[in-house]
Amino acid sequence: MAVKVAELASWVRERLLLRNEASRAFFPGEAVPLAEACQKMAERFLRGGRLLAFGKGPYATDAQHVSVEFVHPVIVGKRALPALDLSLDFWPWLQALLRPEDMVMGFGPPEGDEEVSQALVWAQARGAQTFALPGTRGDYAVRAPAADPFVHQELLEILYHTLWETVHVFFEHRELGHEVGPAGFLYPSLGQVRQDTRGVVGEVAASIQAKVEEDERLRMKVAQEEAETLAELIQAIGSRLAQGGKLLLFGNGGSATDANDFAIDCVNPPPGWRPIPAVSLALEPAVLSALANDVGAEVIFLRQIHAQARPEDVAIGISTSGGSKNVLLALEEARRRGLLTVALLGYDGGEVVRQGLAHFPLVVRSDYIPRIQEVQASVYHVIREGLEVYLG
């Protein structure tokens, strides 16, 4: 389909700014309830509770993202918190694992998911703190922030990122009088003396709103500065797909879950959309662990490029730093083999930009990982929407 770059760029700007409108309509009313939910989460974590998350289809990748963010904190010095993604077979796992002190988070589409909802009701009846994202039956139950499934998912990502970021605030205020035993001198913020934290919920709510406003600012910046590049990229990917190519996506940690989500959005898109061939190299745990164990973590994507790539394909690396060695090697090899190379990046683009490894480097210019990832989600969702427009 012949679409002029200028027309497509204008459309890209509109789609990005639509996200800001949805964000401004949703978060002001959720900041205080989120802060209160965070306070309750802190109590449960300090009692030994775990966060159990699940969803189906693309929403399983949100559970993956929750798990990795809580277990492997991106901020140095923050504690690892117990979280598990149960999406693969969530009912049996939930029934086998649940304890009353746990927290249970269920993800679904804007219209909700009855099976997820029933699991949350079951968990709540057994004492768990439940999060219905979205839904009406949960200790924290939120209406869908948008009817558009991509916008809905992006705003929920901001929501659970703020839960992870701000739960530590309640730890640090010693609100809970947690007993830490002989190692107490290592954790002065978890002493037994309660602090007066009546104002903390309000401070946390204000902090959540500030994080949301920073997202809106960064999204606006991308709309202003990258819309034409995104339009050209959509056309370039569309051309490769027309030649029989596929998307090969990869990244680490939270970026791995974004690669998984992007791939699922391609092969299992919203109703009425055409499927697009895509593979996430991050969605192969046996391959990843075999390569990391037998060769080294730096080759986990490179060796899959060797096995999977064809010259007409598109390699899309996702990295907040732009410096992940395994992403650099994969992009370098993909470019050598004639693939179209794309990188979704943060900070200043890092080594991907300095080494010129991507035909299309798209940089969210922030130095804070959650905000980078949240805006990157908007970027790749708009790319997926744009491919539907271009190919339609």
Protein backbone atom coordinates (compact mmCIF):
# COMPACT_ATOMS: atom_id res chain seq x y z
CA MET A 1 0.00 0.00 0.00
CA ALA A 2 1.42 3.38 -1.03
CA VAL A 3 1.46 5.67 1.98
CA LYS A 4 3.54 8.83 1.97
CA VAL A 5 6.05 9.18 4.77
CA ALA A 6 4.64 12.56 5.77
CA GLU A 7 1.11 11.15 6.08
CA LEU A 8 2.33 8.14 8.04
CA ALA A 9 4.43 10.36 10.32
CA SER A 10 1.39 12.50 11.10
CA TRP A 11 -0.55 9.34 11.96
CA VAL A 12 2.30 8.15 14.21
CA ARG A 13 2.23 11.44 16.13
CA GLU A 14 -1.51 11.15 16.65
CA ARG A 15 -1.22 7.59 17.93
CA LEU A 16 1.52 8.48 20.40
CA LEU A 17 -0.29 11.54 21.72
CA LEU A 18 -3.50 9.54 22.11
CA ARG A 19 -1.64 7.57 24.78
CA ASN A 20 -1.01 10.76 26.72
CA GLU A 21 -4.70 11.61 26.65
CA ALA A 22 -5.57 8.17 28.03
CA SER A 23 -2.88 8.49 30.69
CA ARG A 24 -4.16 11.88 31.88
CA ALA A 25 -7.70 10.50 32.10
CA PHE A 26 -6.68 7.40 34.06
CA PHE A 27 -3.90 7.99 36.57
CA PRO A 28 -5.05 10.99 38.65
CA GLY A 29 -7.83 8.87 40.13
CA GLU A 30 -5.59 5.84 40.67
CA ALA A 31 -2.55 7.37 42.39
CA VAL A 32 -3.92 7.20 45.96
CA PRO A 33 -5.46 3.70 45.65
CA LEU A 34 -2.16 2.49 44.15
CA ALA A 35 -0.20 3.97 47.05
CA GLU A 36 -2.54 2.28 49.55
CA ALA A 37 -2.17 -1.03 47.72
CA CYS A 38 1.61 -0.59 47.86
CA GLN A 39 1.46 -0.12 51.62
CA LYS A 40 -0.43 -3.40 52.00
CA MET A 41 2.05 -5.16 49.67
CA ALA A 42 4.93 -4.06 51.86
CA GLU A 43 3.24 -5.58 54.90
CA ARG A 44 2.79 -8.87 53.09
CA PHE A 45 6.33 -9.03 51.71
CA LEU A 46 7.68 -8.49 55.21
CA ARG A 47 5.53 -11.38 56.45
CA GLY A 48 7.07 -13.65 53.83
CA GLY A 49 4.43 -13.22 51.14
CA ARG A 50 5.11 -13.74 47.45
CA LEU A 51 3.72 -12.06 44.37
CA LEU A 52 2.08 -14.58 42.02
CA ALA A 53 1.21 -13.18 38.58
CA PHE A 54 -0.47 -14.61 35.50
CA GLY A 55 -2.26 -13.79 32.28
CA LYS A 56 -2.98 -15.31 28.88
CA GLY A 57 -1.64 -14.47 25.42
CA PRO A 58 0.06 -11.06 25.36
CA TYR A 59 -0.96 -10.49 28.98
CA ALA A 60 1.24 -13.39 30.06
CA THR A 61 4.17 -11.14 29.14
CA ASP A 62 2.99 -8.65 31.76
CA ALA A 63 3.23 -11.41 34.37
CA GLN A 64 6.74 -12.18 33.08
CA HIS A 65 7.63 -8.50 33.41
CA VAL A 66 6.29 -8.29 36.97
CA SER A 67 8.28 -11.35 37.98
CA VAL A 68 11.61 -10.15 36.61
CA GLU A 69 11.22 -6.60 37.97
CA PHE A 70 10.48 -7.72 41.52
CA VAL A 71 13.08 -10.51 41.63
CA HIS A 72 15.86 -8.67 39.76
CA PRO A 73 15.56 -4.99 40.71
CA VAL A 74 17.06 -2.56 38.22
CA ILE A 75 17.97 -0.08 40.95
CA VAL A 76 21.19 -1.03 42.73
CA GLY A 77 20.65 -1.55 46.44
CA LYS A 78 17.00 -2.53 46.26
CA ARG A 79 16.13 -5.94 47.63
CA ALA A 80 15.02 -8.87 45.50
CA LEU A 81 11.37 -9.60 46.26
CA PRO A 82 9.77 -13.03 45.71
CA ALA A 83 7.62 -13.10 42.57
CA LEU A 84 6.61 -15.84 40.16
CA ASP A 85 5.00 -15.90 36.73
CA LEU A 86 2.42 -18.70 36.72
CA SER A 87 0.96 -18.00 33.26
CA LEU A 88 1.94 -21.27 31.59
CA ASP A 89 -0.65 -23.20 33.65
CA PHE A 90 -1.85 -20.79 36.31
CA TRP A 91 -4.79 -22.62 37.90
CA PRO A 92 -2.91 -25.74 39.06
CA TRP A 93 0.14 -23.73 40.11
CA LEU A 94 -1.93 -21.22 42.03
CA GLN A 95 -3.83 -23.99 43.84
CA ALA A 96 -0.58 -25.77 44.72
CA LEU A 97 1.43 -22.74 45.83
CA LEU A 98 -0.89 -20.16 47.35
CA ARG A 99 -0.42 -19.10 50.96
CA PRO A 100 -2.66 -16.59 52.79
CA GLU A 101 0.12 -13.97 53.00
CA ASP A 102 0.67 -13.95 49.22
CA MET A 103 -0.32 -11.36 46.63
CA VAL A 104 -1.97 -12.44 43.37
CA MET A 105 -2.00 -10.33 40.22
CA GLY A 106 -4.16 -11.28 37.22
CA PHE A 107 -3.82 -9.62 33.81
CA GLY A 108 -6.31 -9.56 30.96
CA PRO A 109 -7.66 -7.61 27.99
CA PRO A 110 -9.79 -4.46 28.34
CA GLU A 111 -12.98 -6.52 28.48
CA GLY A 112 -11.51 -8.75 31.20
CA ASP A 113 -10.91 -12.50 31.34
CA GLU A 114 -13.38 -14.64 33.27
CA GLU A 115 -10.93 -17.45 33.98
CA VAL A 116 -8.42 -14.97 35.41
CA SER A 117 -11.20 -13.33 37.42
CA GLN A 118 -12.32 -16.64 38.90
CA ALA A 119 -8.74 -17.43 39.95
CA LEU A 120 -8.51 -14.06 41.71
CA VAL A 121 -11.80 -14.66 43.55
CA TRP A 122 -10.53 -18.08 44.68
CA ALA A 123 -7.24 -16.57 45.90
CA GLN A 124 -8.96 -13.70 47.71
CA ALA A 125 -11.22 -16.14 49.56
CA ARG A 126 -8.05 -17.81 50.89
CA GLY A 127 -6.61 -14.58 52.29
CA ALA A 128 -4.45 -13.36 49.43
CA GLN A 129 -4.27 -9.69 48.42
CA THR A 130 -5.54 -9.59 44.84
CA PHE A 131 -5.01 -7.25 41.90
CA ALA A 132 -7.54 -7.39 39.06
CA LEU A 133 -5.84 -5.77 36.04
CA PRO A 134 -8.49 -5.15 34.85
CA GLY A 135 -11.59 -6.33 36.66
CA THR A 136 -14.15 -5.65 39.35
CA ARG A 137 -13.32 -8.44 41.80
CA GLY A 138 -10.10 -7.82 43.70
CA ASP A 139 -8.64 -5.93 46.64
CA TYR A 140 -7.27 -3.58 44.01
CA ALA A 141 -9.60 -3.76 41.02
CA VAL A 142 -9.18 -1.32 38.18
CA ARG A 143 -11.33 -0.55 35.20
CA ALA A 144 -9.62 -0.91 31.83
CA PRO A 145 -7.66 2.31 31.30
CA ALA A 146 -8.44 2.23 27.55
CA ALA A 147 -10.55 0.23 25.12
CA ASP A 148 -7.57 -0.08 22.77
CA PRO A 149 -5.73 -3.26 23.86
CA PHE A 150 -2.27 -1.81 23.23
CA VAL A 151 -2.92 1.44 25.12
CA HIS A 152 -4.57 -0.58 27.90
CA GLN A 153 -1.50 -2.77 28.25
CA GLU A 154 0.92 0.18 28.20
CA LEU A 155 -0.88 1.96 31.03
CA LEU A 156 -1.02 -1.22 33.10
CA GLU A 157 2.76 -1.54 32.67
CA ILE A 158 3.18 1.91 34.20
CA LEU A 159 0.85 0.83 37.02
CA TYR A 160 2.80 -2.27 38.00
CA HIS A 161 6.14 -0.52 37.58
CA THR A 162 5.02 2.09 40.11
CA LEU A 163 3.97 -0.68 42.50
CA TRP A 164 7.46 -2.17 42.32
CA GLU A 165 9.18 1.20 42.63
CA THR A 166 7.14 2.50 45.54
CA VAL A 167 6.76 -0.62 47.69
CA HIS A 168 10.35 0.01 48.79
CA VAL A 169 9.35 3.39 50.20
CA PHE A 170 7.31 1.68 52.92
CA PHE A 171 10.26 -0.61 53.73
CA GLU A 172 12.51 2.40 54.10
CA HIS A 173 10.16 4.16 56.51
CA ARG A 174 10.30 1.30 59.04
CA GLU A 175 6.52 1.49 59.20
CA LEU A 176 6.08 -2.16 59.84
CA GLY A 177 8.36 -2.73 62.84
CA HIS A 178 9.84 -5.76 61.09
CA GLU A 179 12.07 -8.05 63.12
CA VAL A 180 15.35 -8.55 61.25
CA GLY A 181 17.29 -10.36 63.99
CA PRO A 182 21.06 -10.17 64.47
CA ALA A 183 21.51 -8.75 60.96
CA GLY A 184 19.47 -5.70 61.89
CA PHE A 185 22.48 -3.40 61.67
CA LEU A 186 22.64 -4.19 57.95
CA TYR A 187 19.01 -3.11 57.45
CA PRO A 188 18.45 -0.02 59.58
CA SER A 189 15.31 0.80 57.59
CA LEU A 190 13.67 -2.36 58.89
CA GLY A 191 14.07 -1.73 62.60
CA GLN A 192 11.33 -2.36 65.12
CA VAL A 193 10.53 1.28 65.86
CA ARG A 194 7.61 2.49 63.80
CA GLN A 195 7.86 5.88 62.16
CA ASP A 196 4.96 8.26 61.76
CA THR A 197 4.01 7.55 58.17
CA ARG A 198 0.62 9.20 57.98
CA GLY A 199 1.91 11.41 55.19
CA VAL A 200 3.72 8.67 53.29
CA VAL A 201 0.70 7.47 51.28
CA GLY A 202 0.15 11.01 50.02
CA GLU A 203 3.84 11.38 49.16
CA VAL A 204 3.83 8.07 47.32
CA ALA A 205 0.68 9.04 45.39
CA ALA A 206 2.34 12.32 44.35
CA SER A 207 5.44 10.38 43.29
CA ILE A 208 3.33 8.02 41.16
CA GLN A 209 1.70 10.97 39.43
CA ALA A 210 5.13 12.53 38.78
CA LYS A 211 6.34 9.28 37.17
CA VAL A 212 3.28 9.25 34.91
CA GLU A 213 3.86 12.87 33.88
CA GLU A 214 7.48 12.03 33.01
CA ASP A 215 6.20 9.25 30.73
CA GLU A 216 3.89 11.73 29.03
CA ARG A 217 6.78 14.14 28.51
CA LEU A 218 8.99 11.43 26.99
CA ARG A 219 6.19 10.19 24.76
CA MET A 220 5.61 13.73 23.54
CA LYS A 221 9.33 14.05 22.77
CA VAL A 222 9.30 10.84 20.73
CA ALA A 223 6.22 12.08 18.85
CA GLN A 224 7.95 15.36 18.04
CA GLU A 225 11.40 14.00 17.17
CA GLU A 226 10.98 10.42 15.95
CA ALA A 227 7.66 10.31 14.08
CA GLU A 228 9.23 10.56 10.63
CA THR A 229 11.83 7.93 11.48
CA LEU A 230 9.08 5.63 12.76
CA ALA A 231 7.13 6.15 9.54
CA GLU A 232 10.18 5.25 7.47
CA LEU A 233 10.78 2.21 9.66
CA ILE A 234 7.21 0.99 9.23
CA GLN A 235 7.64 1.20 5.48
CA ALA A 236 11.01 -0.56 5.60
CA ILE A 237 9.66 -3.43 7.74
CA GLY A 238 6.59 -3.65 5.48
CA SER A 239 8.86 -4.04 2.46
CA ARG A 240 10.76 -6.90 4.13
CA LEU A 241 7.54 -8.63 5.09
CA ALA A 242 6.34 -8.33 1.50
CA GLN A 243 9.49 -10.21 0.47
CA GLY A 244 8.58 -13.06 2.82
CA GLY A 245 10.63 -11.89 5.77
CA LYS A 246 9.90 -12.22 9.48
CA LEU A 247 10.72 -10.28 12.62
CA LEU A 248 13.38 -11.62 14.99
CA LEU A 249 13.12 -9.94 18.39
CA PHE A 250 15.42 -10.11 21.41
CA GLY A 251 16.34 -8.42 24.67
CA ASN A 252 17.22 -9.13 28.30
CA GLY A 253 15.09 -8.97 31.45
CA GLY A 254 12.21 -6.55 31.06
CA SER A 255 13.30 -6.03 27.47
CA ALA A 256 12.94 -9.78 26.92
CA THR A 257 9.32 -9.56 28.02
CA ASP A 258 8.83 -6.66 25.59
CA ALA A 259 10.34 -8.75 22.78
CA ASN A 260 7.92 -11.55 23.71
CA ASP A 261 4.97 -9.15 23.76
CA PHE A 262 5.88 -7.61 20.40
CA ALA A 263 6.17 -11.08 18.83
CA ILE A 264 2.80 -12.20 20.23
CA ASP A 265 1.18 -8.96 19.04
CA CYS A 266 2.42 -9.85 15.56
CA VAL A 267 1.30 -13.47 15.39
CA ASN A 268 -1.85 -13.14 17.54
CA PRO A 269 -3.04 -9.59 16.85
CA PRO A 270 -6.34 -7.91 17.74
CA PRO A 271 -9.39 -9.38 15.95
CA GLY A 272 -9.57 -8.53 12.27
CA TRP A 273 -5.85 -7.82 11.88
CA ARG A 274 -3.55 -9.88 9.70
CA PRO A 275 -0.92 -12.01 11.47
CA ILE A 276 2.70 -11.05 10.87
CA PRO A 277 5.48 -13.67 11.10
CA ALA A 278 7.61 -12.97 14.17
CA VAL A 279 9.81 -14.90 16.59
CA SER A 280 11.10 -13.80 19.98
CA LEU A 281 14.56 -15.22 20.60
CA ALA A 282 13.98 -14.45 24.29
CA LEU A 283 11.09 -16.94 24.44
CA GLU A 284 13.29 -20.04 24.20
CA PRO A 285 14.33 -20.90 27.79
CA ALA A 286 15.97 -24.25 26.98
CA VAL A 287 18.01 -22.73 24.17
CA LEU A 288 18.93 -19.68 26.27
CA SER A 289 20.06 -21.73 29.27
CA ALA A 290 21.98 -24.22 27.10
CA LEU A 291 23.91 -21.47 25.33
CA ALA A 292 24.53 -19.49 28.51
CA ASN A 293 25.77 -22.60 30.32
CA ASP A 294 27.84 -24.19 27.56
CA VAL A 295 29.19 -21.14 25.70
CA GLY A 296 28.31 -17.89 27.47
CA ALA A 297 25.49 -15.43 27.95
CA GLU A 298 26.93 -13.10 25.32
CA VAL A 299 26.01 -15.53 22.48
CA ILE A 300 22.43 -16.43 23.47
CA PHE A 301 20.96 -14.32 20.64
CA LEU A 302 23.89 -14.52 18.22
CA ARG A 303 23.66 -18.31 17.88
CA GLN A 304 19.91 -18.07 17.30
CA ILE A 305 20.54 -15.50 14.55
CA HIS A 306 22.86 -18.06 12.98
CA ALA A 307 20.09 -20.64 13.08
CA GLN A 308 17.00 -18.57 12.29
CA ALA A 309 17.93 -15.54 10.19
CA ARG A 310 17.33 -15.08 6.48
CA PRO A 311 18.47 -12.01 4.50
CA GLU A 312 14.91 -10.72 4.05
CA ASP A 313 14.26 -10.73 7.82
CA VAL A 314 14.19 -7.88 10.33
CA ALA A 315 16.26 -8.07 13.54
CA ILE A 316 14.88 -5.95 16.39
CA GLY A 317 17.01 -5.62 19.51
CA ILE A 318 15.56 -4.03 22.64
CA SER A 319 17.95 -2.60 25.22
CA THR A 320 17.48 0.22 27.70
CA SER A 321 21.25 0.81 27.90
CA GLY A 322 22.22 0.13 24.29
CA GLY A 323 25.23 -1.73 25.68
CA SER A 324 24.12 -5.33 26.29
CA LYS A 325 26.85 -7.49 24.77
CA ASN A 326 24.48 -10.20 23.56
CA VAL A 327 22.27 -7.61 21.82
CA LEU A 328 25.31 -5.94 20.21
CA LEU A 329 26.63 -9.23 18.84
CA ALA A 330 23.25 -10.25 17.46
CA LEU A 331 22.67 -6.91 15.72
CA GLU A 332 26.21 -6.95 14.30
CA GLU A 333 25.71 -10.43 12.85
CA ALA A 334 22.24 -9.62 11.55
CA ARG A 335 23.54 -6.56 9.74
CA ARG A 336 26.44 -8.59 8.28
CA ARG A 337 23.91 -11.09 6.91
CA GLY A 338 21.85 -8.38 5.19
CA LEU A 339 18.94 -8.17 7.62
CA LEU A 340 17.22 -4.87 8.35
CA THR A 341 18.36 -3.98 11.86
CA VAL A 342 16.27 -2.03 14.36
CA ALA A 343 17.05 -1.10 17.97
CA LEU A 344 14.76 0.26 20.69
CA LEU A 345 17.09 2.02 23.11
CA GLY A 346 17.34 4.31 26.12
CA TYR A 347 19.89 6.74 27.58
CA ASP A 348 21.86 8.08 24.56
CA GLY A 349 21.58 4.86 22.55
CA GLY A 350 24.85 3.47 23.91
CA GLU A 351 27.15 1.26 21.89
CA VAL A 352 24.42 0.36 19.40
CA VAL A 353 24.43 3.98 18.21
CA ARG A 354 28.17 4.53 18.59
CA GLN A 355 28.97 1.42 16.55
CA GLY A 356 26.23 2.04 13.99
CA LEU A 357 24.72 -1.42 14.42
CA ALA A 358 21.10 -0.48 13.65
CA HIS A 359 19.70 0.92 10.43
CA PHE A 360 16.94 2.37 12.63
CA PRO A 361 18.00 3.26 16.19
CA LEU A 362 15.03 4.61 18.16
CA VAL A 363 16.15 6.23 21.41
CA VAL A 364 13.97 7.14 24.40
CA ARG A 365 16.27 9.74 25.95
CA SER A 366 15.92 8.99 29.63
CA ASP A 367 18.28 7.50 32.21
CA TYR A 368 15.60 5.75 34.24
CA ILE A 369 14.84 2.20 33.12
CA PRO A 370 11.11 1.90 34.01
CA ARG A 371 10.30 5.10 32.12
CA ILE A 372 12.36 3.95 29.12
CA GLN A 373 10.56 0.60 28.99
CA GLU A 374 7.14 2.18 29.32
CA VAL A 375 7.69 4.51 26.36
CA GLN A 376 9.37 1.75 24.36
CA ALA A 377 6.12 -0.22 24.73
CA SER A 378 4.27 2.68 23.11
CA VAL A 379 6.85 2.76 20.31
CA TYR A 380 6.66 -0.91 19.37
CA HIS A 381 2.88 -0.96 19.66
CA VAL A 382 2.66 2.00 17.28
CA ILE A 383 5.01 0.16 14.90
CA ARG A 384 2.66 -2.84 15.02
CA GLU A 385 -0.37 -0.61 14.40
CA GLY A 386 1.47 1.12 11.57
CA LEU A 387 2.26 -2.19 9.88
CA GLU A 388 -1.46 -2.96 9.86
CA VAL A 389 -2.12 0.42 8.21
CA TYR A 390 0.75 -0.01 5.72
CA LEU A 391 0.02 -3.61 4.78
CA GLY A 392 -3.75 -3.20 4.81
